[in-house]
């Protein structure tokens, strides 16, 4: 690591290090961290940052592939490998033993048009898993079938929820508690919404929604308790007690 600061305080036995002053910086092969105050264990096993700061992450850094050593750092495959990821945070805590970095206090992580916001964000650098909690707002770029052109294209998908969990290996995202999903393909509300991706980590395989489900599609609304949408077939399966469908109809003008 490379550490830059106006003031550095190092324990004589090397067990701890503190940095303060204007924007102290910690740099390694995959990230650059700047904050008002940084506390770093000399052996690199832990790091804390407070007072607000930023992190620049490099997805294509060492170990960011399926064949790398399992102790190397990984990033969620939701991000492109050729662009930096930037994180704003009020506080940061890195636990080297757990392999997890936690950003808190209106944390905001983004790369281009892909972004994640929440009171807390956490990245597991051993698996590439990503979690968020509290006022979660995400924007992800899913490849969807354009029914008009019959071509696959990027569809920005915005989701609001209380919690978000992305399993990097399973390519599976779960949003929970008062979830609202918006995209050019329609709006979906439910207690829980799950997104399943294909092996390219970008193309939608299917959507599943459970609990108080409401689906809005071009002037039609359907409600039920469970919904599965299969992207390849463009097929919706709704279950409920009962399922209700409401269609908006233009009023018919009558002759006077």
Protein backbone atom coordinates (compact mmCIF):
# COMPACT_ATOMS: atom_id res chain seq x y z
CA UNK A 1 0.00 0.00 0.00
CA UNK A 2 0.96 3.64 -0.57
CA UNK A 3 -0.31 6.03 2.14
CA UNK A 4 -0.32 9.81 1.73
CA UNK A 5 -1.31 12.33 4.42
CA UNK A 6 -0.20 15.50 6.17
CA UNK A 7 0.09 13.66 9.47
CA UNK A 8 0.90 9.99 10.06
CA UNK A 9 0.92 8.28 13.48
CA UNK A 10 2.40 4.77 13.63
CA UNK A 11 2.38 2.52 16.69
CA UNK A 12 5.90 1.46 17.70
CA UNK A 13 5.00 -2.23 17.43
CA UNK A 14 3.46 -1.63 13.99
CA UNK A 15 0.00 -2.77 15.13
CA UNK A 16 -1.83 0.35 13.93
CA UNK A 17 -1.48 3.48 11.84
CA UNK A 18 -3.49 6.71 11.74
CA UNK A 19 -3.47 9.38 9.04
CA UNK A 20 -5.03 12.84 9.18
CA UNK A 21 -4.94 16.12 7.35
CA UNK A 22 -6.10 17.02 3.89
CA UNK A 23 -7.32 14.00 1.96
CA UNK A 24 -5.02 11.23 3.17
CA UNK A 25 -4.88 8.50 0.52
CA UNK A 26 -4.43 4.73 0.54
CA UNK A 27 -3.59 3.07 -2.79
CA UNK A 28 -3.29 -0.56 -3.78
CA UNK A 29 -3.44 -2.51 -7.05
CA UNK A 30 -7.24 -2.33 -7.22
CA UNK A 31 -8.34 0.82 -5.39
CA UNK A 32 -7.59 4.38 -4.33
CA UNK A 33 -9.25 5.60 -1.11
CA UNK A 34 -9.38 9.22 0.01
CA UNK A 35 -11.01 10.48 3.22
CA UNK A 36 -10.63 13.11 5.91
CA UNK A 37 -9.37 10.48 8.37
CA UNK A 38 -7.91 7.05 7.66
CA UNK A 39 -6.94 4.35 10.17
CA UNK A 40 -5.05 1.43 8.65
CA UNK A 41 -3.64 -1.70 10.24
CA UNK A 42 -0.03 -2.02 9.11
CA UNK A 43 -0.55 -5.62 8.01
CA UNK A 44 -3.42 -4.43 5.79
CA UNK A 45 -6.01 -6.57 7.58
CA UNK A 46 -8.34 -3.65 8.30
CA UNK A 47 -8.98 -0.06 7.33
CA UNK A 48 -11.42 2.58 8.52
CA UNK A 49 -12.24 5.94 6.94
CA UNK A 50 -14.46 8.71 8.26
CA UNK A 51 -15.39 12.30 7.63
CA UNK A 52 -16.53 11.65 4.09
CA UNK A 53 -14.47 10.35 1.20
CA UNK A 54 -14.26 8.60 -2.14
CA UNK A 55 -13.00 5.30 -3.45
CA UNK A 56 -11.95 4.53 -7.02
CA UNK A 57 -12.11 0.83 -7.84
CA UNK A 58 -10.71 -0.96 -10.89
CA UNK A 59 -12.92 -3.94 -11.83
CA UNK A 60 -10.28 -5.43 -14.12
CA UNK A 61 -7.67 -5.48 -11.35
CA UNK A 62 -5.73 -8.51 -10.15
CA UNK A 63 -7.91 -11.50 -9.38
CA UNK A 64 -11.04 -10.18 -11.05
CA UNK A 65 -11.71 -13.30 -13.09
CA UNK A 66 -13.04 -16.79 -12.46
CA UNK A 67 -9.62 -18.47 -12.75
CA UNK A 68 -7.77 -16.24 -10.30
CA UNK A 69 -6.66 -17.16 -6.83
CA UNK A 70 -9.64 -17.17 -4.44
CA UNK A 71 -7.83 -14.78 -2.09
CA UNK A 72 -7.69 -12.08 -4.80
CA UNK A 73 -10.25 -9.31 -4.95
CA UNK A 74 -13.33 -9.62 -7.13
CA UNK A 75 -15.93 -7.10 -8.26
CA UNK A 76 -19.61 -7.69 -9.10
CA UNK A 77 -19.98 -8.75 -12.75
CA UNK A 78 -22.69 -6.09 -13.09
CA UNK A 79 -19.83 -3.68 -13.81
CA UNK A 80 -17.80 -3.37 -16.99
CA UNK A 81 -14.16 -4.41 -16.68
CA UNK A 82 -12.76 -1.46 -18.63
CA UNK A 83 -14.19 1.40 -16.53
CA UNK A 84 -13.50 2.62 -13.00
CA UNK A 85 -16.13 2.37 -10.29
CA UNK A 86 -16.46 5.38 -7.98
CA UNK A 87 -17.91 5.34 -4.46
CA UNK A 88 -18.90 8.32 -2.30
CA UNK A 89 -19.33 7.62 1.42
CA UNK A 90 -19.46 9.19 4.86
CA UNK A 91 -17.61 6.27 6.45
CA UNK A 92 -15.80 3.14 5.28
CA UNK A 93 -14.76 -0.03 7.03
CA UNK A 94 -12.66 -2.77 5.45
CA UNK A 95 -12.38 -6.17 7.15
CA UNK A 96 -9.60 -8.13 5.50
CA UNK A 97 -10.41 -11.34 7.36
CA UNK A 98 -13.99 -11.27 6.05
CA UNK A 99 -12.94 -9.80 2.70
CA UNK A 100 -15.64 -7.16 2.93
CA UNK A 101 -15.73 -3.39 2.46
CA UNK A 102 -18.72 -1.54 3.94
CA UNK A 103 -19.62 2.00 2.92
CA UNK A 104 -22.13 3.86 5.07
CA UNK A 105 -23.89 7.20 5.33
CA UNK A 106 -25.69 7.87 2.06
CA UNK A 107 -23.26 5.71 0.14
CA UNK A 108 -23.34 6.05 -3.64
CA UNK A 109 -21.53 3.68 -5.98
CA UNK A 110 -21.58 4.07 -9.74
CA UNK A 111 -19.98 3.31 -13.09
CA UNK A 112 -21.39 5.16 -16.07
CA UNK A 113 -25.17 4.59 -16.14
CA UNK A 114 -25.02 1.83 -13.52
CA UNK A 115 -25.43 2.98 -9.92
CA UNK A 116 -26.29 1.81 -6.40
CA UNK A 117 -27.32 4.01 -3.47
CA UNK A 118 -28.23 3.22 0.12
CA UNK A 119 -27.62 4.03 3.75
CA UNK A 120 -25.14 1.14 3.65
CA UNK A 121 -23.39 -0.59 0.74
CA UNK A 122 -21.08 -3.60 1.07
CA UNK A 123 -18.86 -5.46 -1.40
CA UNK A 124 -17.44 -8.91 -0.69
CA UNK A 125 -14.11 -8.90 -2.54
CA UNK A 126 -13.81 -12.69 -2.39
CA UNK A 127 -17.09 -13.45 -4.16
CA UNK A 128 -18.00 -10.15 -5.81
CA UNK A 129 -21.33 -10.13 -3.94
CA UNK A 130 -22.94 -6.71 -3.45
CA UNK A 131 -25.50 -5.72 -0.81
CA UNK A 132 -27.33 -2.52 0.10
CA UNK A 133 -29.77 -1.53 2.83
CA UNK A 134 -31.82 1.52 3.78
CA UNK A 135 -33.35 3.78 1.11
CA UNK A 136 -31.94 1.63 -1.67
CA UNK A 137 -31.97 3.06 -5.19
CA UNK A 138 -30.35 1.14 -8.05
CA UNK A 139 -30.00 1.61 -11.78
CA UNK A 140 -28.78 -1.40 -13.72
CA UNK A 141 -28.39 -2.00 -17.45
CA UNK A 142 -30.21 -5.16 -18.51
CA UNK A 143 -30.17 -6.57 -22.01
CA UNK A 144 -33.80 -7.11 -23.04
CA UNK A 145 -35.59 -8.19 -26.20
CA UNK A 146 -37.15 -5.34 -28.14
CA UNK A 147 -40.46 -6.87 -29.25
CA UNK A 148 -40.74 -4.46 -32.18
CA UNK A 149 -37.28 -5.01 -33.69
CA UNK A 150 -36.77 -8.51 -32.21
CA UNK A 151 -33.26 -7.45 -31.23
CA UNK A 152 -31.52 -7.49 -27.88
CA UNK A 153 -30.80 -4.02 -26.52
CA UNK A 154 -29.81 -2.35 -23.26
CA UNK A 155 -32.78 -1.41 -21.09
CA UNK A 156 -32.08 0.86 -18.08
CA UNK A 157 -33.90 -0.59 -15.07
CA UNK A 158 -34.50 1.49 -11.93
CA UNK A 159 -35.48 -0.13 -8.65
CA UNK A 160 -36.38 1.27 -5.22
CA UNK A 161 -36.43 -0.98 -2.15
CA UNK A 162 -35.33 -1.29 1.46
CA UNK A 163 -32.72 -4.00 0.86
CA UNK A 164 -30.77 -5.38 -2.09
CA UNK A 165 -28.62 -8.53 -2.31
CA UNK A 166 -26.69 -9.56 -5.43
CA UNK A 167 -25.16 -13.05 -5.59
CA UNK A 168 -22.33 -12.72 -8.10
CA UNK A 169 -21.88 -16.45 -8.71
CA UNK A 170 -25.60 -17.25 -9.05
CA UNK A 171 -26.22 -14.05 -11.12
CA UNK A 172 -29.22 -13.43 -8.90
CA UNK A 173 -30.45 -10.13 -7.40
CA UNK A 174 -33.09 -9.86 -4.66
CA UNK A 175 -34.88 -6.63 -3.74
CA UNK A 176 -37.07 -6.70 -0.62
CA UNK A 177 -39.68 -4.53 1.15
CA UNK A 178 -41.89 -2.09 -0.81
CA UNK A 179 -40.11 -2.73 -4.08
CA UNK A 180 -40.81 -0.63 -7.17
CA UNK A 181 -39.18 -1.54 -10.49
CA UNK A 182 -39.44 0.76 -13.49
CA UNK A 183 -38.24 0.14 -17.04
CA UNK A 184 -39.27 0.76 -20.62
CA UNK A 185 -40.98 -2.65 -20.49
CA UNK A 186 -43.38 -1.72 -17.67
CA UNK A 187 -43.66 -1.06 -13.95
CA UNK A 188 -43.70 -3.71 -11.24
CA UNK A 189 -44.50 -3.41 -7.52
CA UNK A 190 -44.16 -6.19 -4.92
CA UNK A 191 -42.92 -7.09 -1.46
CA UNK A 192 -40.00 -8.93 -3.10
CA UNK A 193 -38.63 -8.84 -6.66
CA UNK A 194 -35.92 -11.19 -7.90
CA UNK A 195 -33.86 -10.75 -11.07
CA UNK A 196 -32.14 -13.76 -12.67
CA UNK A 197 -29.45 -13.15 -15.31
CA UNK A 198 -27.98 -15.26 -18.10
CA UNK A 199 -24.33 -16.39 -18.06
CA UNK A 200 -23.18 -13.11 -19.67
CA UNK A 201 -24.20 -11.32 -16.42
CA UNK A 202 -26.21 -8.77 -18.43
CA UNK A 203 -29.10 -10.46 -20.24
CA UNK A 204 -32.34 -10.95 -18.31
CA UNK A 205 -33.41 -14.58 -17.90
CA UNK A 206 -36.52 -14.03 -15.78
CA UNK A 207 -38.18 -11.84 -13.16
CA UNK A 208 -40.03 -13.15 -10.11
CA UNK A 209 -42.23 -11.04 -7.82
CA UNK A 210 -43.90 -12.16 -4.60
CA UNK A 211 -46.42 -10.49 -2.27
CA UNK A 212 -48.91 -7.73 -3.22
CA UNK A 213 -47.80 -7.85 -6.85
CA UNK A 214 -48.94 -5.12 -9.24
CA UNK A 215 -47.83 -5.19 -12.87
CA UNK A 216 -48.37 -2.24 -15.20
CA UNK A 217 -48.09 -2.74 -18.97
CA UNK A 218 -49.20 -0.14 -21.54
CA UNK A 219 -52.64 0.68 -20.19
CA UNK A 220 -53.19 -2.65 -18.41
CA UNK A 221 -52.75 -3.50 -14.75
CA UNK A 222 -52.65 -6.97 -13.18
CA UNK A 223 -52.57 -7.79 -9.48
CA UNK A 224 -51.83 -11.04 -7.68
CA UNK A 225 -49.57 -12.69 -5.14
CA UNK A 226 -46.88 -14.23 -7.33
CA UNK A 227 -45.55 -13.39 -10.79
CA UNK A 228 -42.93 -15.03 -13.00
CA UNK A 229 -41.87 -13.38 -16.26
CA UNK A 230 -39.84 -15.43 -18.74
CA UNK A 231 -37.84 -13.13 -21.00
CA UNK A 232 -37.14 -15.61 -23.82
CA UNK A 233 -40.85 -16.36 -24.34
CA UNK A 234 -42.16 -12.95 -23.30
CA UNK A 235 -44.56 -14.86 -21.04
CA UNK A 236 -46.10 -13.71 -17.74
CA UNK A 237 -47.49 -16.19 -15.21
CA UNK A 238 -49.51 -14.61 -12.40
CA UNK A 239 -51.04 -16.38 -9.40
CA UNK A 240 -53.29 -14.88 -6.76
CA UNK A 241 -56.52 -15.06 -4.84
CA UNK A 242 -57.76 -14.05 -7.31
CA UNK A 243 -55.69 -12.50 -10.13
CA UNK A 244 -57.27 -9.25 -11.32
CA UNK A 245 -56.64 -7.52 -14.64
CA UNK A 246 -57.71 -3.96 -15.34
CA UNK A 247 -57.48 -2.45 -18.80
CA UNK A 248 -57.81 1.24 -19.55
CA UNK A 249 -60.34 1.85 -22.33
CA UNK A 250 -60.78 5.08 -24.23
CA UNK A 251 -64.29 6.49 -23.73
CA UNK A 252 -66.59 6.07 -26.70
CA UNK A 253 -68.03 9.30 -28.00
CA UNK A 254 -71.76 9.18 -28.60
CA UNK A 255 -73.58 11.21 -31.18
CA UNK A 256 -75.74 14.02 -29.86
